[in-house]
Amino acid sequence: MYQSAHETVLASVSGLLDYYNRTKIYRAMGFGAVLDEKGEDKDPDNAGFFLNGPSNPCCKGVEEIIESYRNQLSKTTAFGQVELVPIIKQFESFAKNHGDDDNYFVLLMLTNHQDTMATEKMQDIIIEAAELPLSMIIVGCGNDEFDKPVVKKGLKEDIAACESGKRNINDIAHFVRFEDFMDHETKVVSKDRLAVEVFKKLPDQFVYYMTDVVDTKPRYL
């Protein structure tokens, strides 16, 4: 069966996600779309919508995320480029309200447009997450070039720590370009390499948060 770039990313990382998430429950959202045929249920604030509908924001396992994504494709129409900032704000609020020494959250965002990242607001909202148990992974899936200058403007890895004792942007966010893992002659994607790159920085980000931000000691050895 044909898989879109978004489905390929999800399928590539599913094993790792399910292994480290003991509940196998995920909050899955879409954004930047008209949600019905009449165009009445638009998302003007780019706040996103749950793939399973407002009454059921969670998916059981990555397979249900992919299935819900496919179901929504037939019901929605994209309306152009959007910002990721409102989505990030929602999950920062969720991490703030549900975070404790037992929980660490990973926000995986799949975007088709480089402009979603190239804003100062994007930098600011990521820095606001410095004290939250949260990492962000952004995968560029579309046909945009996702050229390095634009990416660096949105996720400057050389930015100094925003405040003493806080994490900087590189300690929180990581960008991955989907096209870098595709053989352009065969159109085959190296899913193993892609999965490794997606989670490449997560272990260090998690350890840094637990040891330097909240100074939490492991309970079990």
Protein backbone atom coordinates (compact mmCIF):
# COMPACT_ATOMS: atom_id res chain seq x y z
CA MET A 1 0.00 0.00 0.00
CA TYR A 2 1.22 3.49 -0.88
CA GLN A 3 2.39 5.54 2.10
CA SER A 4 2.61 9.31 2.15
CA ALA A 5 5.65 10.96 3.71
CA HIS A 6 3.68 11.56 6.89
CA GLU A 7 2.66 7.90 7.12
CA THR A 8 6.21 6.75 6.38
CA VAL A 9 7.59 8.87 9.22
CA LEU A 10 5.00 7.51 11.65
CA ALA A 11 5.60 3.92 10.53
CA SER A 12 9.38 4.40 10.84
CA VAL A 13 9.26 5.62 14.43
CA SER A 14 6.36 3.47 15.64
CA GLY A 15 8.53 0.78 17.23
CA LEU A 16 10.49 3.25 19.33
CA LEU A 17 7.42 5.27 20.28
CA ASP A 18 5.49 2.23 21.45
CA TYR A 19 8.50 0.79 23.28
CA TYR A 20 9.00 3.86 25.45
CA ASN A 21 5.31 4.73 25.92
CA ARG A 22 3.94 2.14 28.31
CA THR A 23 0.34 3.30 27.79
CA LYS A 24 0.56 3.33 23.96
CA ILE A 25 -1.81 6.34 24.11
CA TYR A 26 -1.06 9.35 21.89
CA ARG A 27 -2.72 12.71 21.42
CA ALA A 28 -2.81 13.11 17.63
CA MET A 29 -3.71 16.36 15.89
CA GLY A 30 -4.01 17.84 12.44
CA PHE A 31 -3.85 21.51 11.54
CA GLY A 32 -4.26 23.96 8.68
CA ALA A 33 -7.36 22.46 7.08
CA VAL A 34 -11.04 22.86 6.33
CA LEU A 35 -12.74 20.08 8.24
CA ASP A 36 -15.95 19.58 6.26
CA GLU A 37 -17.12 19.71 2.67
CA LYS A 38 -18.93 23.02 3.18
CA GLY A 39 -15.81 24.67 4.56
CA GLU A 40 -17.71 25.81 7.64
CA ASP A 41 -15.43 24.22 10.18
CA LYS A 42 -12.24 26.05 9.37
CA ASP A 43 -9.26 26.34 11.70
CA PRO A 44 -8.56 30.10 11.45
CA ASP A 45 -6.35 30.24 14.49
CA ASN A 46 -4.33 27.20 13.39
CA ALA A 47 -5.13 25.69 16.75
CA GLY A 48 -5.43 22.22 15.30
CA PHE A 49 -8.03 19.48 15.54
CA PHE A 50 -7.88 16.00 17.02
CA LEU A 51 -7.71 13.28 14.37
CA ASN A 52 -10.29 11.17 16.21
CA GLY A 53 -12.64 14.10 16.74
CA PRO A 54 -13.12 16.48 19.70
CA SER A 55 -14.73 13.82 21.90
CA ASN A 56 -11.78 11.45 21.63
CA PRO A 57 -8.44 13.26 21.45
CA CYS A 58 -6.29 10.13 21.86
CA CYS A 59 -5.23 7.26 19.62
CA LYS A 60 -4.29 3.80 20.84
CA GLY A 61 -0.97 2.97 19.23
CA VAL A 62 0.70 4.43 16.15
CA GLU A 63 -1.39 2.27 13.83
CA GLU A 64 -4.53 4.07 14.98
CA ILE A 65 -2.84 7.43 14.37
CA ILE A 66 -2.13 6.40 10.77
CA GLU A 67 -5.65 5.07 10.32
CA SER A 68 -7.18 8.27 11.73
CA TYR A 69 -4.90 10.36 9.53
CA ARG A 70 -6.09 8.48 6.43
CA ASN A 71 -9.72 8.90 7.45
CA GLN A 72 -9.32 12.65 7.86
CA LEU A 73 -7.66 13.06 4.46
CA SER A 74 -10.97 12.29 2.77
CA LYS A 75 -12.81 14.81 4.94
CA THR A 76 -10.45 17.78 4.95
CA THR A 77 -8.97 20.30 2.53
CA ALA A 78 -5.69 22.03 3.28
CA PHE A 79 -5.92 25.83 3.15
CA GLY A 80 -2.27 26.83 2.90
CA GLN A 81 0.73 27.46 5.04
CA VAL A 82 0.25 27.69 8.77
CA GLU A 83 2.39 28.24 11.82
CA LEU A 84 3.25 25.55 14.33
CA VAL A 85 3.21 28.03 17.21
CA PRO A 86 -0.45 27.47 18.26
CA ILE A 87 0.09 23.69 18.25
CA ILE A 88 3.22 24.04 20.36
CA LYS A 89 1.39 26.30 22.81
CA GLN A 90 -1.28 23.66 23.32
CA PHE A 91 1.22 20.95 24.11
CA GLU A 92 3.28 23.21 26.33
CA SER A 93 0.11 23.83 28.34
CA PHE A 94 -0.54 20.09 28.47
CA ALA A 95 3.02 19.36 29.65
CA LYS A 96 2.76 22.11 32.27
CA ASN A 97 -0.49 20.71 33.66
CA HIS A 98 0.48 17.04 33.54
CA GLY A 99 4.23 17.13 34.01
CA ASP A 100 5.89 15.66 37.07
CA ASP A 101 8.93 13.54 37.88
CA ASP A 102 7.27 10.52 36.24
CA ASN A 103 6.39 12.07 32.89
CA TYR A 104 8.39 13.45 29.98
CA PHE A 105 6.62 14.46 26.75
CA VAL A 106 7.72 14.36 23.12
CA LEU A 107 5.95 16.53 20.54
CA LEU A 108 6.50 15.12 17.02
CA MET A 109 5.37 17.57 14.31
CA LEU A 110 5.18 16.79 10.58
CA THR A 111 5.04 19.84 8.32
CA ASN A 112 5.03 20.42 4.56
CA HIS A 113 6.26 24.02 4.64
CA GLN A 114 9.49 25.57 5.79
CA ASP A 115 7.70 28.85 6.59
CA THR A 116 6.07 27.18 9.58
CA MET A 117 9.42 27.43 11.34
CA ALA A 118 11.02 30.60 10.04
CA THR A 119 9.61 33.03 12.58
CA GLU A 120 10.82 34.70 15.74
CA LYS A 121 7.60 33.57 17.40
CA MET A 122 8.75 30.01 16.79
CA GLN A 123 12.00 30.67 18.65
CA ASP A 124 10.20 32.38 21.51
CA ILE A 125 7.66 29.61 22.02
CA ILE A 126 10.37 26.95 22.04
CA ILE A 127 12.39 28.88 24.60
CA GLU A 128 9.27 29.10 26.78
CA ALA A 129 9.43 25.30 27.03
CA ALA A 130 12.88 25.40 28.62
CA GLU A 131 11.60 24.45 32.06
CA LEU A 132 9.00 21.92 30.89
CA PRO A 133 9.45 18.14 30.58
CA LEU A 134 9.15 18.40 26.81
CA SER A 135 11.16 17.81 23.65
CA MET A 136 10.06 18.83 20.15
CA ILE A 137 10.92 17.02 16.92
CA ILE A 138 9.98 18.63 13.63
CA VAL A 139 10.10 16.61 10.41
CA GLY A 140 9.96 18.50 7.11
CA CYS A 141 7.93 16.25 4.79
CA GLY A 142 6.91 18.47 1.91
CA ASN A 143 8.48 19.59 -1.34
CA ASP A 144 9.95 22.75 0.16
CA GLU A 145 13.72 22.90 0.19
CA PHE A 146 13.93 23.31 3.98
CA ASP A 147 17.24 25.00 3.27
CA LYS A 148 19.63 25.47 6.15
CA PRO A 149 19.39 29.30 6.45
CA VAL A 150 15.61 29.12 6.95
CA VAL A 151 15.87 26.20 9.34
CA LYS A 152 18.54 27.95 11.35
CA LYS A 153 16.37 31.05 11.57
CA GLY A 154 13.60 28.99 13.08
CA LEU A 155 15.73 26.67 15.22
CA LYS A 156 19.07 28.42 15.81
CA GLU A 157 21.35 25.77 17.27
CA ASP A 158 24.02 28.29 18.18
CA ILE A 159 21.73 30.46 20.30
CA ALA A 160 22.98 31.12 23.81
CA ALA A 161 21.03 29.78 26.76
CA CYS A 162 17.98 31.99 27.14
CA GLU A 163 18.55 32.42 30.86
CA SER A 164 21.05 31.07 33.34
CA GLY A 165 20.15 27.51 34.23
CA LYS A 166 17.69 27.08 31.39
CA ARG A 167 17.96 24.91 28.31
CA ASN A 168 18.58 26.54 24.95
CA ILE A 169 16.75 25.78 21.71
CA ASN A 170 19.10 22.95 20.78
CA ASP A 171 18.35 21.29 24.13
CA ILE A 172 14.63 21.25 23.34
CA ALA A 173 14.05 20.99 19.58
CA HIS A 174 15.41 18.97 16.67
CA PHE A 175 14.72 19.30 12.95
CA VAL A 176 14.83 16.43 10.44
CA ARG A 177 14.43 16.70 6.66
CA PHE A 178 12.53 13.70 5.27
CA GLU A 179 14.06 13.97 1.79
CA ASP A 180 17.53 13.31 3.21
CA PHE A 181 16.53 9.69 3.80
CA MET A 182 15.03 8.94 0.39
CA ASP A 183 16.83 7.40 -2.58
CA HIS A 184 15.59 9.68 -5.35
CA GLU A 185 16.09 7.05 -8.04
CA THR A 186 14.21 4.23 -6.35
CA LYS A 187 11.99 6.46 -4.13
CA VAL A 188 12.79 4.08 -1.26
CA VAL A 189 13.07 5.60 2.21
CA SER A 190 15.61 4.26 4.72
CA LYS A 191 13.18 3.91 7.62
CA ASP A 192 15.83 2.71 10.09
CA ARG A 193 18.10 5.68 9.41
CA LEU A 194 15.13 8.03 9.55
CA ALA A 195 14.01 6.67 12.93
CA VAL A 196 17.52 7.00 14.35
CA GLU A 197 17.79 10.61 13.20
CA VAL A 198 14.33 11.56 14.47
CA PHE A 199 15.22 10.46 18.01
CA LYS A 200 18.93 11.28 17.80
CA LYS A 201 18.92 14.12 20.33
CA LEU A 202 16.13 12.90 22.58
CA PRO A 203 18.19 10.84 25.07
CA ASP A 204 20.56 13.73 25.80
CA GLN A 205 17.67 16.20 26.02
CA PHE A 206 15.85 13.96 28.48
CA VAL A 207 18.91 13.37 30.66
CA TYR A 208 19.83 17.06 30.63
CA TYR A 209 16.32 18.03 31.73
CA MET A 210 16.21 15.46 34.52
CA THR A 211 19.69 16.18 35.86
CA ASP A 212 20.20 19.90 35.24
CA VAL A 213 16.73 21.42 35.15
CA VAL A 214 14.84 19.55 37.86
CA ASP A 215 17.71 17.57 39.46
CA THR A 216 15.72 14.33 39.66
CA LYS A 217 17.53 11.18 40.75
CA PRO A 218 16.58 7.80 39.27
CA ARG A 219 14.37 5.71 41.54
CA TYR A 220 15.40 2.37 40.09
CA LEU A 221 18.80 1.00 39.16
